[in-house]
Amino acid sequence: MYELLFWRYSEGIYLNHHEVYEALIEEQEVDGLEELPVTVILNRIGSLFSKWEKVDDNSWKNNEGKGAFQVITTPQSVRIDCYGTQGKAMDILVGALEEFKCPLYDPQVPERYDEMSE
């Protein structure tokens, strides 16, 4: 599995990314993060992956190749667990969240890909 996590800081807020990540995977609310339009984001992902089979409300699998992913949301975050998903599909997911001003935090590295990164 490869995990992708996305959130958006409130204006002027900059926190320790890994501490934010740890709180969000525990589904804790984090002061300084904005609430996200989760339903709109899920709809956008669904439209981008309309050729993939929608397994349930939050999961898709590629019937014409490798890969599957599940989207787990909180009011402040979107986590995507990728299972054998190819890089191109993950790039589409990252791009979709960038549309909502939510840059990627990659906990495997760990690094957040935004203009505020050190």
N, C-alpha and C. Protein backbone atom coordinates (compact mmCIF):
# COMPACT_ATOMS: atom_id res chain seq x y z
N MET A 1 0.84 -1.19 0.00
CA MET A 1 0.00 0.00 0.00
C MET A 1 0.88 1.24 0.00
N TYR A 2 0.41 2.26 -0.68
CA TYR A 2 1.08 3.57 -0.69
C TYR A 2 0.05 4.60 -0.26
N GLU A 3 0.40 5.38 0.74
CA GLU A 3 -0.56 6.31 1.33
C GLU A 3 -0.27 7.74 0.87
N LEU A 4 -1.33 8.45 0.50
CA LEU A 4 -1.26 9.86 0.14
C LEU A 4 -2.19 10.61 1.07
N LEU A 5 -1.76 11.77 1.58
CA LEU A 5 -2.61 12.53 2.49
C LEU A 5 -2.61 13.99 2.07
N PHE A 6 -3.78 14.61 2.17
CA PHE A 6 -3.97 15.98 1.71
C PHE A 6 -4.73 16.78 2.76
N TRP A 7 -4.32 18.03 2.95
CA TRP A 7 -5.05 18.97 3.80
C TRP A 7 -4.70 20.37 3.34
N ARG A 8 -5.42 21.34 3.88
CA ARG A 8 -5.19 22.74 3.53
C ARG A 8 -5.06 23.56 4.82
N TYR A 9 -3.95 24.27 4.93
CA TYR A 9 -3.75 25.15 6.08
C TYR A 9 -4.62 26.40 5.94
N SER A 10 -5.06 26.94 7.06
CA SER A 10 -5.72 28.24 7.07
C SER A 10 -4.68 29.30 6.72
N GLU A 11 -5.16 30.44 6.26
CA GLU A 11 -4.28 31.56 5.86
C GLU A 11 -3.29 31.89 6.98
N GLY A 12 -2.00 31.92 6.62
CA GLY A 12 -0.97 32.33 7.57
C GLY A 12 -0.55 31.27 8.58
N ILE A 13 -1.10 30.07 8.50
CA ILE A 13 -0.78 28.99 9.44
C ILE A 13 0.23 28.05 8.80
N TYR A 14 1.21 27.64 9.58
CA TYR A 14 2.21 26.69 9.11
C TYR A 14 2.60 25.83 10.30
N LEU A 15 2.29 24.54 10.23
CA LEU A 15 2.52 23.62 11.35
C LEU A 15 3.51 22.54 10.95
N ASN A 16 3.93 21.76 11.92
CA ASN A 16 4.78 20.60 11.66
C ASN A 16 3.97 19.57 10.88
N HIS A 17 4.38 19.31 9.65
CA HIS A 17 3.59 18.44 8.77
C HIS A 17 3.40 17.04 9.34
N HIS A 18 4.46 16.48 9.91
CA HIS A 18 4.34 15.10 10.41
C HIS A 18 3.39 15.04 11.60
N GLU A 19 3.41 16.05 12.46
CA GLU A 19 2.48 16.07 13.59
C GLU A 19 1.04 16.22 13.10
N VAL A 20 0.84 17.04 12.07
CA VAL A 20 -0.49 17.17 11.47
C VAL A 20 -0.93 15.82 10.92
N TYR A 21 -0.05 15.17 10.18
CA TYR A 21 -0.34 13.85 9.62
C TYR A 21 -0.77 12.86 10.71
N GLU A 22 0.01 12.79 11.77
CA GLU A 22 -0.31 11.85 12.85
C GLU A 22 -1.67 12.13 13.47
N ALA A 23 -2.00 13.41 13.65
CA ALA A 23 -3.31 13.76 14.21
C ALA A 23 -4.43 13.39 13.24
N LEU A 24 -4.22 13.65 11.96
CA LEU A 24 -5.27 13.38 10.98
C LEU A 24 -5.53 11.89 10.80
N ILE A 25 -4.50 11.06 10.83
CA ILE A 25 -4.76 9.63 10.68
C ILE A 25 -5.47 9.05 11.90
N GLU A 26 -5.39 9.78 13.01
CA GLU A 26 -6.15 9.40 14.21
C GLU A 26 -7.53 10.05 14.20
N GLU A 27 -7.86 10.75 13.09
CA GLU A 27 -9.13 11.44 12.90
C GLU A 27 -9.37 12.51 13.94
N GLN A 28 -8.29 13.16 14.39
CA GLN A 28 -8.40 14.27 15.32
C GLN A 28 -8.55 15.57 14.54
N GLU A 29 -9.26 16.52 15.12
CA GLU A 29 -9.36 17.85 14.52
C GLU A 29 -8.07 18.61 14.83
N VAL A 30 -7.59 19.35 13.83
CA VAL A 30 -6.34 20.10 13.99
C VAL A 30 -6.63 21.58 13.83
N ASP A 31 -6.34 22.36 14.88
CA ASP A 31 -6.48 23.82 14.79
C ASP A 31 -5.52 24.32 13.73
N GLY A 32 -6.01 25.18 12.85
CA GLY A 32 -5.17 25.74 11.80
C GLY A 32 -5.40 25.13 10.44
N LEU A 33 -6.24 24.09 10.38
CA LEU A 33 -6.59 23.50 9.07
C LEU A 33 -8.00 23.92 8.69
N GLU A 34 -8.21 24.07 7.39
CA GLU A 34 -9.54 24.42 6.89
C GLU A 34 -10.38 23.16 6.69
N GLU A 35 -11.69 23.34 6.78
CA GLU A 35 -12.59 22.25 6.42
C GLU A 35 -12.61 22.15 4.91
N LEU A 36 -12.70 20.93 4.42
CA LEU A 36 -12.66 20.68 2.98
C LEU A 36 -14.04 20.32 2.44
N PRO A 37 -14.29 20.62 1.17
CA PRO A 37 -15.55 20.20 0.53
C PRO A 37 -15.46 18.72 0.13
N VAL A 38 -15.52 17.85 1.12
CA VAL A 38 -15.24 16.43 0.93
C VAL A 38 -16.13 15.80 -0.15
N THR A 39 -17.41 16.10 -0.14
CA THR A 39 -18.31 15.51 -1.13
C THR A 39 -17.93 15.95 -2.54
N VAL A 40 -17.59 17.21 -2.70
CA VAL A 40 -17.18 17.74 -4.01
C VAL A 40 -15.89 17.06 -4.46
N ILE A 41 -14.95 16.88 -3.53
CA ILE A 41 -13.69 16.20 -3.86
C ILE A 41 -13.94 14.77 -4.28
N LEU A 42 -14.78 14.04 -3.55
CA LEU A 42 -15.10 12.66 -3.93
C LEU A 42 -15.76 12.60 -5.30
N ASN A 43 -16.64 13.54 -5.59
CA ASN A 43 -17.27 13.59 -6.91
C ASN A 43 -16.24 13.85 -8.00
N ARG A 44 -15.27 14.72 -7.73
CA ARG A 44 -14.22 15.01 -8.71
C ARG A 44 -13.37 13.78 -8.97
N ILE A 45 -12.99 13.07 -7.92
CA ILE A 45 -12.22 11.84 -8.08
C ILE A 45 -13.04 10.83 -8.89
N GLY A 46 -14.33 10.71 -8.57
CA GLY A 46 -15.19 9.79 -9.31
C GLY A 46 -15.26 10.11 -10.79
N SER A 47 -15.30 11.41 -11.13
CA SER A 47 -15.37 11.78 -12.55
C SER A 47 -14.04 11.50 -13.24
N LEU A 48 -12.92 11.70 -12.55
CA LEU A 48 -11.62 11.43 -13.15
C LEU A 48 -11.36 9.94 -13.34
N PHE A 49 -12.00 9.13 -12.51
CA PHE A 49 -11.80 7.68 -12.58
C PHE A 49 -13.10 6.97 -12.99
N SER A 50 -13.85 7.61 -13.87
CA SER A 50 -15.14 7.05 -14.28
C SER A 50 -15.01 5.72 -15.03
N LYS A 51 -13.83 5.45 -15.60
CA LYS A 51 -13.63 4.17 -16.30
C LYS A 51 -13.25 3.05 -15.34
N TRP A 52 -12.92 3.40 -14.12
CA TRP A 52 -12.60 2.40 -13.11
C TRP A 52 -13.89 1.94 -12.45
N GLU A 53 -13.88 0.72 -11.95
CA GLU A 53 -15.05 0.21 -11.24
C GLU A 53 -15.13 0.85 -9.86
N LYS A 54 -16.29 1.41 -9.54
CA LYS A 54 -16.51 1.97 -8.21
C LYS A 54 -17.00 0.84 -7.32
N VAL A 55 -16.14 0.40 -6.43
CA VAL A 55 -16.42 -0.76 -5.58
C VAL A 55 -17.43 -0.41 -4.50
N ASP A 56 -17.27 0.78 -3.91
CA ASP A 56 -18.23 1.31 -2.95
C ASP A 56 -18.13 2.83 -3.01
N ASP A 57 -18.72 3.54 -2.07
CA ASP A 57 -18.74 5.00 -2.13
C ASP A 57 -17.36 5.63 -2.15
N ASN A 58 -16.36 4.95 -1.60
CA ASN A 58 -15.03 5.54 -1.45
C ASN A 58 -13.90 4.71 -2.04
N SER A 59 -14.22 3.70 -2.86
CA SER A 59 -13.17 2.82 -3.38
C SER A 59 -13.35 2.56 -4.87
N TRP A 60 -12.22 2.53 -5.58
CA TRP A 60 -12.22 2.27 -7.01
C TRP A 60 -11.17 1.22 -7.33
N LYS A 61 -11.42 0.42 -8.39
CA LYS A 61 -10.39 -0.49 -8.86
C LYS A 61 -10.36 -0.47 -10.37
N ASN A 62 -9.16 -0.69 -10.89
CA ASN A 62 -8.92 -0.66 -12.32
C ASN A 62 -9.13 -2.07 -12.87
N ASN A 63 -10.20 -2.25 -13.64
CA ASN A 63 -10.46 -3.57 -14.22
C ASN A 63 -9.68 -3.82 -15.50
N GLU A 64 -9.00 -2.78 -16.00
CA GLU A 64 -8.25 -2.92 -17.24
C GLU A 64 -6.74 -2.86 -17.00
N GLY A 65 -6.35 -2.99 -15.77
CA GLY A 65 -4.93 -2.94 -15.44
C GLY A 65 -4.74 -3.05 -13.95
N LYS A 66 -3.57 -2.64 -13.51
CA LYS A 66 -3.25 -2.73 -12.09
C LYS A 66 -3.86 -1.56 -11.33
N GLY A 67 -4.11 -1.79 -10.06
CA GLY A 67 -4.42 -0.70 -9.17
C GLY A 67 -5.81 -0.67 -8.60
N ALA A 68 -5.86 -0.15 -7.40
CA ALA A 68 -7.10 0.13 -6.69
C ALA A 68 -6.75 1.18 -5.64
N PHE A 69 -7.75 1.94 -5.23
CA PHE A 69 -7.51 2.89 -4.15
C PHE A 69 -8.78 3.12 -3.37
N GLN A 70 -8.57 3.53 -2.13
CA GLN A 70 -9.67 3.85 -1.23
C GLN A 70 -9.44 5.25 -0.70
N VAL A 71 -10.51 6.04 -0.64
CA VAL A 71 -10.44 7.40 -0.14
C VAL A 71 -11.08 7.44 1.24
N ILE A 72 -10.32 7.91 2.22
CA ILE A 72 -10.81 8.04 3.59
C ILE A 72 -10.77 9.52 3.93
N THR A 73 -11.90 10.06 4.38
CA THR A 73 -11.96 11.50 4.61
C THR A 73 -12.31 11.83 6.06
N THR A 74 -11.86 13.01 6.47
CA THR A 74 -12.33 13.67 7.67
C THR A 74 -12.77 15.05 7.19
N PRO A 75 -13.40 15.85 8.02
CA PRO A 75 -13.76 17.19 7.55
C PRO A 75 -12.55 18.03 7.11
N GLN A 76 -11.35 17.67 7.60
CA GLN A 76 -10.15 18.46 7.29
C GLN A 76 -9.14 17.76 6.39
N SER A 77 -9.39 16.53 6.02
CA SER A 77 -8.35 15.81 5.27
C SER A 77 -8.94 14.78 4.31
N VAL A 78 -8.10 14.44 3.34
CA VAL A 78 -8.40 13.36 2.41
C VAL A 78 -7.18 12.46 2.38
N ARG A 79 -7.39 11.19 2.75
CA ARG A 79 -6.32 10.20 2.68
C ARG A 79 -6.69 9.21 1.59
N ILE A 80 -5.71 8.88 0.77
CA ILE A 80 -5.94 7.92 -0.30
C ILE A 80 -4.94 6.79 -0.13
N ASP A 81 -5.46 5.59 0.11
CA ASP A 81 -4.64 4.39 0.22
C ASP A 81 -4.63 3.72 -1.14
N CYS A 82 -3.44 3.64 -1.75
CA CYS A 82 -3.29 3.08 -3.09
C CYS A 82 -2.73 1.67 -2.99
N TYR A 83 -3.33 0.76 -3.72
CA TYR A 83 -2.93 -0.64 -3.72
C TYR A 83 -2.53 -1.02 -5.14
N GLY A 84 -1.22 -1.07 -5.39
CA GLY A 84 -0.72 -1.44 -6.71
C GLY A 84 -1.05 -0.41 -7.78
N THR A 85 -1.40 0.79 -7.36
CA THR A 85 -1.79 1.85 -8.28
C THR A 85 -0.54 2.37 -8.99
N GLN A 86 -0.64 2.53 -10.31
CA GLN A 86 0.47 3.03 -11.11
C GLN A 86 0.70 4.51 -10.84
N GLY A 87 1.91 4.98 -11.11
CA GLY A 87 2.28 6.37 -10.89
C GLY A 87 1.38 7.36 -11.59
N LYS A 88 0.96 7.04 -12.83
CA LYS A 88 0.12 7.97 -13.59
C LYS A 88 -1.21 8.20 -12.87
N ALA A 89 -1.80 7.13 -12.34
CA ALA A 89 -3.07 7.26 -11.62
C ALA A 89 -2.87 8.08 -10.34
N MET A 90 -1.76 7.86 -9.66
CA MET A 90 -1.50 8.63 -8.44
C MET A 90 -1.28 10.10 -8.79
N ASP A 91 -0.65 10.38 -9.92
CA ASP A 91 -0.48 11.77 -10.37
C ASP A 91 -1.83 12.44 -10.61
N ILE A 92 -2.78 11.70 -11.16
CA ILE A 92 -4.13 12.24 -11.39
C ILE A 92 -4.79 12.57 -10.05
N LEU A 93 -4.64 11.69 -9.07
CA LEU A 93 -5.19 11.94 -7.73
C LEU A 93 -4.56 13.18 -7.10
N VAL A 94 -3.25 13.29 -7.20
CA VAL A 94 -2.56 14.46 -6.64
C VAL A 94 -3.04 15.73 -7.32
N GLY A 95 -3.18 15.68 -8.66
CA GLY A 95 -3.67 16.83 -9.41
C GLY A 95 -5.08 17.22 -9.01
N ALA A 96 -5.92 16.22 -8.76
CA ALA A 96 -7.30 16.50 -8.36
C ALA A 96 -7.33 17.25 -7.04
N LEU A 97 -6.50 16.86 -6.09
CA LEU A 97 -6.49 17.54 -4.80
C LEU A 97 -5.83 18.91 -4.89
N GLU A 98 -4.89 19.07 -5.81
CA GLU A 98 -4.29 20.39 -6.01
C GLU A 98 -5.34 21.40 -6.50
N GLU A 99 -6.35 20.91 -7.24
CA GLU A 99 -7.44 21.78 -7.68
C GLU A 99 -8.15 22.42 -6.48
N PHE A 100 -8.12 21.73 -5.34
CA PHE A 100 -8.76 22.22 -4.12
C PHE A 100 -7.74 22.84 -3.15
N LYS A 101 -6.57 23.16 -3.70
CA LYS A 101 -5.48 23.78 -2.93
C LYS A 101 -5.05 22.92 -1.74
N CYS A 102 -5.02 21.61 -2.00
CA CYS A 102 -4.58 20.65 -0.99
C CYS A 102 -3.34 19.91 -1.52
N PRO A 103 -2.14 20.38 -1.17
CA PRO A 103 -0.95 19.70 -1.65
C PRO A 103 -0.74 18.34 -0.98
N LEU A 104 0.02 17.51 -1.63
CA LEU A 104 0.31 16.17 -1.15
C LEU A 104 1.27 16.19 0.03
N TYR A 105 0.93 15.39 1.04
CA TYR A 105 1.90 15.01 2.07
C TYR A 105 2.15 13.52 1.85
N ASP A 106 3.40 13.18 1.59
CA ASP A 106 3.77 11.79 1.35
C ASP A 106 4.45 11.26 2.61
N PRO A 107 3.73 10.48 3.43
CA PRO A 107 4.31 10.01 4.69
C PRO A 107 5.43 9.00 4.50
N GLN A 108 5.55 8.41 3.33
CA GLN A 108 6.62 7.45 3.09
C GLN A 108 7.98 8.14 3.00
N VAL A 109 7.98 9.44 2.62
CA VAL A 109 9.25 10.13 2.37
C VAL A 109 9.89 10.68 3.65
N PRO A 110 9.30 11.36 4.60
CA PRO A 110 8.05 12.12 4.60
C PRO A 110 8.29 13.55 4.10
N GLU A 111 7.40 14.00 3.23
CA GLU A 111 7.54 15.35 2.68
C GLU A 111 6.18 15.87 2.24
N ARG A 112 5.97 17.17 2.42
CA ARG A 112 4.77 17.84 1.92
C ARG A 112 5.20 18.68 0.73
N TYR A 113 4.47 18.56 -0.36
CA TYR A 113 4.82 19.22 -1.61
C TYR A 113 4.01 20.48 -1.79
N ASP A 114 4.44 21.54 -1.12
CA ASP A 114 3.77 22.83 -1.26
C ASP A 114 4.81 23.94 -1.23
N GLU A 115 4.38 25.15 -1.47
CA GLU A 115 5.31 26.28 -1.53
C GLU A 115 5.90 26.61 -0.17
N MET A 116 5.31 26.09 0.91
CA MET A 116 5.81 26.38 2.26
C MET A 116 6.82 25.34 2.75
N SER A 117 7.10 24.32 1.95
CA SER A 117 8.03 23.27 2.40
C SER A 117 9.42 23.85 2.61
N GLU A 118 10.09 23.29 3.60
CA GLU A 118 11.43 23.78 3.93
C GLU A 118 12.45 23.19 2.99
